Protein backbone atom coordinates (compact mmCIF):
# COMPACT_ATOMS: atom_id res chain seq x y z
CA MET A 1 53.18 -144.93 14.57
CA ARG A 2 53.20 -146.42 18.29
CA ALA A 3 56.53 -148.17 17.94
CA ASP A 4 58.12 -144.86 17.21
CA ARG A 5 56.32 -143.49 20.63
CA LEU A 6 57.48 -146.36 22.65
CA ILE A 7 60.88 -146.31 21.64
CA ALA A 8 60.84 -141.96 22.33
CA ILE A 9 59.38 -143.01 25.76
CA VAL A 10 62.21 -145.37 26.85
CA LEU A 11 64.97 -142.57 25.64
CA THR A 12 62.78 -139.61 26.99
CA LEU A 13 63.53 -141.76 30.20
CA GLN A 14 66.64 -143.01 29.83
CA ALA A 15 68.03 -139.50 29.01
CA ARG A 16 66.45 -137.60 32.14
CA GLY A 17 66.30 -140.58 34.65
CA ARG A 18 62.88 -139.97 36.31
CA CYS A 19 59.76 -138.45 34.27
CA THR A 20 55.95 -138.15 35.52
CA ALA A 21 53.57 -139.28 33.00
CA GLY A 22 52.95 -135.56 32.38
CA GLU A 23 55.97 -134.64 31.82
CA LEU A 24 56.30 -137.85 28.90
CA ALA A 25 52.76 -136.54 27.19
CA GLU A 26 54.15 -132.74 27.36
CA GLN A 27 57.92 -134.02 26.20
CA LEU A 28 56.17 -136.33 23.25
CA GLU A 29 53.41 -133.79 22.79
CA MET A 30 50.62 -136.90 23.01
CA SER A 31 47.87 -137.20 25.53
CA GLU A 32 48.59 -138.31 29.30
CA ARG A 33 45.86 -141.14 28.69
CA THR A 34 47.64 -142.38 25.24
CA ILE A 35 51.87 -142.43 27.67
CA ARG A 36 50.36 -144.24 30.60
CA ARG A 37 48.79 -146.59 27.67
CA ASP A 38 52.10 -147.12 25.88
CA LEU A 39 54.06 -147.53 29.19
CA GLU A 40 52.22 -150.25 30.68
CA ALA A 41 52.47 -151.60 27.08
CA LEU A 42 56.20 -151.48 27.75
CA CYS A 43 55.87 -153.03 31.39
CA MET A 44 53.94 -155.74 29.49
CA ALA A 45 56.89 -155.94 27.25
CA GLY A 46 59.55 -156.98 29.27
CA VAL A 47 61.13 -153.15 29.42
CA PRO A 48 62.43 -152.60 33.06
CA LEU A 49 59.85 -149.55 34.69
CA TYR A 50 59.87 -148.60 37.90
CA SER A 51 56.91 -146.36 38.84
CA GLU A 52 56.98 -143.92 42.28
CA ARG A 53 54.48 -142.50 44.19
CA GLY A 54 54.33 -139.16 45.96
CA ARG A 55 54.94 -135.65 45.36
CA LYS A 56 58.49 -136.46 43.52
CA GLY A 57 57.72 -139.86 41.82
CA GLY A 58 57.49 -140.64 38.69
CA TRP A 59 58.47 -143.56 36.22
CA THR A 60 62.75 -144.75 35.74
CA LEU A 61 63.73 -147.27 34.18
CA LEU A 62 66.32 -150.05 36.12
CA GLY A 63 69.15 -151.73 36.15
CA GLY A 64 70.65 -149.41 33.40
CA HIS A 65 68.83 -150.53 31.02
CA ARG A 66 69.98 -148.51 27.51
CA ILE A 67 69.81 -148.43 23.98
CA ASP A 68 73.81 -148.24 22.98
CA LEU A 69 74.65 -145.74 19.48
CA SER A 70 77.83 -146.55 19.32
CA GLY A 71 81.05 -145.12 16.58
CA LEU A 72 80.37 -140.91 17.50
CA THR A 73 82.51 -139.06 18.38
CA ALA A 74 82.81 -135.98 20.68
CA LYS A 75 83.55 -134.03 17.15
CA GLU A 76 80.55 -135.48 15.26
CA ALA A 77 78.06 -135.67 17.82
CA LEU A 78 78.55 -131.53 18.56
CA ALA A 79 78.35 -131.07 14.63
CA LEU A 80 75.05 -132.81 14.25
CA PHE A 81 73.46 -131.29 16.96
CA SER A 82 74.66 -127.44 15.68
CA ALA A 83 73.50 -128.21 12.03
CA THR A 84 69.75 -130.20 13.16
CA GLY A 85 68.87 -128.29 16.32
CA PRO A 86 64.73 -127.31 16.14
CA GLY A 87 65.62 -123.30 14.38
CA SER A 88 67.13 -124.72 11.34
CA ALA A 89 64.61 -128.24 11.35
CA GLY A 90 61.86 -125.65 10.96
CA ALA A 91 62.64 -125.15 7.02
CA LEU A 92 62.66 -129.09 6.42
CA GLY A 93 58.63 -128.35 7.00
CA PRO A 94 56.55 -130.32 9.82
CA GLY A 95 56.91 -134.08 8.76
CA LEU A 96 61.25 -133.88 8.14
CA ALA A 97 61.18 -131.56 10.86
CA GLU A 98 59.23 -134.15 13.68
CA GLY A 99 61.43 -137.32 12.16
CA LEU A 100 64.64 -135.14 12.26
CA ALA A 101 63.42 -134.46 16.22
CA ALA A 102 62.48 -137.93 16.99
CA ALA A 103 66.52 -138.73 15.67
CA ARG A 104 68.09 -136.46 17.78
CA ARG A 105 65.94 -137.62 20.98
CA LYS A 106 67.41 -140.84 20.30
CA VAL A 107 70.86 -139.98 19.49
CA LEU A 108 71.00 -137.67 22.70
CA ALA A 109 69.40 -140.61 24.64
CA ALA A 110 72.24 -142.66 23.72
CA LEU A 111 75.82 -140.47 24.29
CA PRO A 112 76.95 -141.01 27.86
CA GLU A 113 76.30 -138.10 30.53
CA PRO A 114 79.49 -136.35 30.43
CA LEU A 115 79.00 -135.67 25.74
CA ARG A 116 74.80 -135.25 26.45
CA ALA A 117 75.18 -132.00 28.13
CA GLN A 118 78.03 -130.73 25.78
CA VAL A 119 75.67 -131.41 22.33
CA GLU A 120 72.54 -130.12 24.80
CA ALA A 121 74.51 -126.72 24.82
CA ALA A 122 75.95 -126.72 21.14
CA GLY A 123 72.09 -127.61 20.55
CA SER A 124 70.79 -124.92 22.08
CA ALA A 125 73.72 -122.13 21.39
CA LEU A 126 74.37 -122.74 17.30
CA LEU A 127 72.02 -122.54 14.16
CA VAL A 128 72.15 -123.44 10.63
CA ASP A 129 69.50 -121.43 8.59
CA PRO A 130 68.78 -121.65 5.13
CA SER A 131 66.10 -119.35 4.54
CA PRO A 132 66.77 -116.91 2.27
CA TRP A 133 66.42 -113.14 3.45
CA GLY A 134 62.81 -112.80 2.66
CA ARG A 135 64.22 -113.37 -0.90
CA SER A 136 65.38 -116.24 -3.03
CA SER A 137 69.42 -115.18 -3.69
CA PRO A 138 72.28 -117.95 -4.84
CA ALA A 139 73.49 -119.47 -1.56
CA THR A 140 77.36 -119.40 -0.51
CA LEU A 141 77.74 -122.43 0.25
CA GLU A 142 81.49 -122.16 1.20
CA ALA A 143 82.54 -120.13 4.08
CA PRO A 144 84.94 -117.36 3.19
CA ALA A 145 88.69 -117.89 4.89
CA ALA A 146 88.12 -114.82 7.37
CA GLU A 147 85.02 -116.78 8.53
CA GLU A 148 86.47 -119.63 9.11
CA LEU A 149 89.94 -118.64 11.00
CA TYR A 150 87.51 -117.26 13.90
CA LEU A 151 84.65 -119.42 14.07
CA GLU A 152 85.99 -122.03 16.13
CA ALA A 153 87.73 -119.93 18.24
CA LEU A 154 83.90 -117.89 18.73
CA ARG A 155 82.11 -121.95 19.13
CA GLU A 156 84.47 -121.79 21.83
CA SER A 157 83.37 -118.79 23.80
CA VAL A 158 79.59 -119.77 23.26
CA LEU A 159 79.73 -122.86 24.70
CA ALA A 160 82.17 -122.11 26.97
CA GLY A 161 80.19 -119.36 27.99
CA VAL A 162 83.13 -116.88 28.82
CA GLN A 163 83.12 -113.06 27.35
CA ALA A 164 85.83 -112.45 23.59
CA VAL A 165 87.48 -109.25 22.85
CA LEU A 166 86.41 -108.61 18.56
CA SER A 167 88.18 -106.24 16.19
CA TYR A 168 85.45 -105.83 14.13
CA GLU A 169 85.18 -103.71 10.53
CA PRO A 170 82.09 -102.43 10.19
CA PRO A 171 81.55 -101.68 6.27
CA GLY A 172 83.15 -98.14 4.79
CA ARG A 173 84.72 -97.81 9.07
CA PRO A 174 88.15 -99.24 9.81
CA ALA A 175 88.32 -102.14 12.33
CA GLU A 176 87.86 -100.89 16.01
CA ASP A 177 87.58 -102.68 19.28
CA ARG A 178 84.26 -104.77 21.01
CA LEU A 179 83.83 -106.08 24.39
CA VAL A 180 80.86 -109.04 23.94
CA HIS A 181 79.09 -111.51 25.54
CA PRO A 182 78.75 -114.26 23.08
CA HIS A 183 75.02 -116.29 23.43
CA GLY A 184 74.81 -117.98 19.66
CA LEU A 185 76.53 -118.37 16.04
CA VAL A 186 74.71 -118.84 13.15
CA CYS A 187 75.10 -119.85 9.62
CA LYS A 188 72.98 -117.89 7.44
CA ARG A 189 73.09 -119.02 3.80
CA GLY A 190 76.05 -120.63 3.82
CA VAL A 191 77.12 -116.88 6.18
CA TRP A 192 78.08 -117.18 9.47
CA TYR A 193 77.10 -114.59 12.10
CA LEU A 194 77.24 -114.06 16.22
CA VAL A 195 74.43 -112.90 18.14
CA ALA A 196 75.90 -111.30 21.55
CA THR A 197 75.10 -108.37 23.70
CA THR A 198 77.58 -105.33 24.73
CA PRO A 199 76.37 -102.50 26.87
CA ALA A 200 74.51 -101.03 23.45
CA GLY A 201 72.49 -103.96 23.75
CA LEU A 202 72.00 -107.00 21.45
CA ARG A 203 74.27 -107.26 18.46
CA THR A 204 74.62 -109.12 15.33
CA TYR A 205 78.23 -109.49 14.31
CA ARG A 206 79.36 -110.77 10.36
CA LEU A 207 82.81 -113.17 11.32
CA SER A 208 83.44 -111.97 7.26
CA ARG A 209 84.14 -108.83 8.86
CA VAL A 210 85.77 -109.87 12.20
CA ARG A 211 89.64 -109.35 11.79
CA SER A 212 90.61 -110.57 15.19
CA VAL A 213 89.60 -112.61 18.68
CA THR A 214 90.71 -112.60 22.05
CA LEU A 215 88.84 -115.02 24.92
CA THR A 216 89.09 -113.31 28.05
CA ASP A 217 88.23 -115.56 31.40
CA LYS A 218 85.37 -113.27 32.63
CA PRO A 219 81.24 -115.15 32.05
CA VAL A 220 78.99 -114.31 29.46
CA GLU A 221 76.10 -112.48 31.13
CA ARG A 222 73.33 -114.07 29.30
CA PRO A 223 69.66 -112.26 29.17
CA PRO A 224 66.69 -113.73 31.35
CA GLY A 225 64.69 -116.62 28.58
CA PHE A 226 67.20 -115.54 26.30
CA ASP A 227 66.17 -118.13 23.20
CA LEU A 228 69.31 -117.76 19.84
CA ALA A 229 66.07 -119.33 17.42
CA ALA A 230 63.20 -116.77 18.60
CA THR A 231 66.04 -114.14 18.53
CA TRP A 232 67.78 -115.01 15.30
CA ALA A 233 64.11 -115.07 13.84
CA GLU A 234 63.35 -110.96 15.07
CA VAL A 235 66.70 -110.10 13.12
CA GLY A 236 65.21 -112.07 10.57
CA GLN A 237 62.25 -110.07 10.01
CA MET A 238 64.75 -106.87 10.12
CA MET A 239 66.45 -107.85 7.86
CA SER A 240 63.71 -109.10 5.05
CA ALA A 241 62.38 -105.30 6.08
CA ARG A 242 65.77 -104.20 5.28
CA ALA A 243 65.50 -106.27 1.37
CA ALA A 244 62.31 -104.97 0.40
CA ALA A 245 64.20 -101.57 0.43
CA GLN A 246 62.85 -99.02 -2.55
CA LEU A 247 67.07 -97.76 -3.43
CA ALA A 248 67.37 -99.28 -6.96
CA VAL A 249 71.74 -99.29 -7.94
CA GLU A 250 72.48 -100.06 -11.63
CA VAL A 251 76.21 -101.52 -11.49
CA ALA A 252 78.19 -102.92 -13.97
CA VAL A 253 80.84 -105.82 -12.54
CA GLU A 254 83.57 -107.91 -14.59
CA ALA A 255 81.65 -111.26 -15.49
CA ASP A 256 84.17 -113.20 -13.15
CA TRP A 257 83.28 -111.01 -10.34
CA LEU A 258 79.81 -111.78 -10.57
CA PRO A 259 79.69 -114.79 -8.15
CA ARG A 260 81.55 -112.82 -5.54
CA LEU A 261 78.72 -110.28 -5.58
CA HIS A 262 76.17 -111.73 -5.01
CA ALA A 263 78.36 -113.48 -1.76
CA MET A 264 79.57 -109.71 -0.89
CA VAL A 265 76.41 -108.02 -1.20
CA GLY A 266 73.79 -110.15 -1.88
CA THR A 267 73.50 -111.98 1.27
CA TRP A 268 71.56 -108.62 2.81
CA TRP A 269 70.46 -106.91 -0.10
CA PRO A 270 68.32 -108.21 -3.44
CA VAL A 271 70.73 -108.80 -6.61
CA VAL A 272 68.87 -109.30 -9.75
CA GLU A 273 70.97 -109.32 -13.28
CA THR A 274 69.57 -107.77 -15.86
CA GLY A 275 72.06 -108.11 -19.23
CA THR A 276 75.19 -107.51 -20.31
CA ALA A 277 77.07 -104.67 -21.33
CA ALA A 278 78.48 -103.61 -24.54
CA ASP A 279 81.91 -104.12 -22.96
CA GLY A 280 80.76 -108.06 -21.82
CA ARG A 281 80.74 -106.94 -18.18
CA ALA A 282 77.22 -107.92 -16.20
CA THR A 283 75.05 -105.48 -15.38
CA VAL A 284 72.62 -105.56 -12.08
CA THR A 285 70.29 -104.16 -10.20
CA ILE A 286 71.18 -104.06 -6.65
CA ARG A 287 68.28 -102.53 -3.65
CA PHE A 288 70.15 -101.00 -0.96
CA ALA A 289 68.43 -98.48 2.31
CA ASN A 290 69.68 -95.45 1.39
CA VAL A 291 72.54 -93.67 -0.54
CA SER A 292 74.72 -93.80 2.46
CA ILE A 293 74.34 -98.31 2.39
CA ALA A 294 74.84 -98.23 -0.96
CA SER A 295 77.75 -96.59 -0.84
CA ALA A 296 79.31 -97.83 1.84
CA GLU A 297 78.48 -101.46 0.19
CA LEU A 298 79.78 -100.27 -2.95
CA VAL A 299 83.19 -99.00 -2.71
CA ARG A 300 84.91 -101.92 -1.30
CA LEU A 301 84.08 -103.26 -4.94
CA SER A 302 85.13 -100.20 -7.03
CA ASP A 303 87.87 -102.47 -8.74
CA HIS A 304 85.48 -104.87 -10.20
CA VAL A 305 82.43 -102.74 -9.53
CA GLU A 306 81.01 -99.50 -11.47
CA VAL A 307 78.19 -97.88 -10.71
CA LEU A 308 75.87 -96.79 -13.53
CA SER A 309 73.04 -94.68 -11.57
CA PRO A 310 71.62 -93.41 -9.20
CA GLU A 311 74.24 -90.33 -9.74
CA ALA A 312 74.15 -89.83 -5.77
CA VAL A 313 75.06 -93.11 -5.46
CA ARG A 314 77.99 -92.06 -7.72
CA THR A 315 79.10 -88.65 -5.87
CA GLU A 316 79.06 -90.21 -2.69
CA MET A 317 81.56 -92.82 -3.77
CA ALA A 318 83.84 -89.62 -4.57
CA ALA A 319 83.67 -88.34 -2.09
CA ILE A 320 84.36 -91.21 -0.01
CA GLY A 321 87.35 -92.00 -2.20
CA HIS A 322 88.00 -88.12 -2.33
CA ARG A 323 88.14 -88.37 2.19
CA LEU A 324 90.47 -91.25 1.86
CA ILE A 325 93.31 -88.95 -0.73
CA LEU A 326 93.06 -86.36 2.09
CA ARG A 327 93.61 -88.30 4.84
CA TYR A 328 96.13 -90.44 3.47
CA GLY A 329 97.62 -87.79 1.40
CA GLU A 330 98.73 -88.18 -2.98
CA LEU A 331 99.87 -91.32 -4.27
CA SER A 332 102.71 -91.21 -6.69
CA PRO A 333 102.26 -92.78 -10.32
CA LEU A 334 103.86 -95.81 -9.45
CA ALA A 335 101.90 -96.85 -6.76
CA THR A 336 100.03 -100.21 -6.96
CA PHE A 337 97.44 -101.45 -5.51
CA PRO A 338 96.34 -105.44 -4.73
CA ARG A 339 93.99 -106.90 -6.33
């Protein structure tokens, strides 16, 4: 609609200060001829536009002309742009995504200059991805407490551009310190991930496995041309391939633990409920990439989840338990375990 285009032109000039007709055409995805007609229409309507010729020329708004937007705090604006970035909006489909992009442009143009820079940085460093890992499974709507605990610190690290030291606990292994260069945070189906580089290359860290975060005063070294949405798309392709793994593991799980199983394992691997056992427990099939990964994922749930098959996974989990006993020694019969 032409009215939307005219508003978008004014807001773009308001945000950027000066643009050529070609730059406006590229920004708004219109032909340069259409943009020139719209600029003339705005001038005739009394909008204070000024055109300057020459290599550094372009169109500008005179007299501090602005479309005002009031009521948004810095925290609210940051939250809005974090949740509605280009990668997040893609899941809405073309129609809604275009409308969301226009709304973001209006909000951004109306914000004060210092806040505008903050929210632009947030929009490129934080991503919400509601799509499944190549399949359909229940979404985790609330982030676990461990994620909430360190999310704010890592958000600060990303936006401030400083390195951080994570105490990170991979599946089946003790926590270890890792110096990382944070580049972005992604919320995937309610679960938060940090995208960062290390001396070993680009890595993705699940926040629920972070045990502590310490910010440093050293600046982040960002890969040339890094784009969070594009990088996360590559991660998604890799994880979708993992989700197509062919090792089917049959388990029985306590009924009240079924939602937890979906949240802790189903985020990464396909989980299919198959029925109810004679003892009232739910039966579930989970597909993993291999025996080692299946054992590492399920051993941490062994108080509530029993592996029924295949025997190779049961054997590996028993071996993990045996190695733990050898490391930590036999426990007295009176020993109790937190549940």
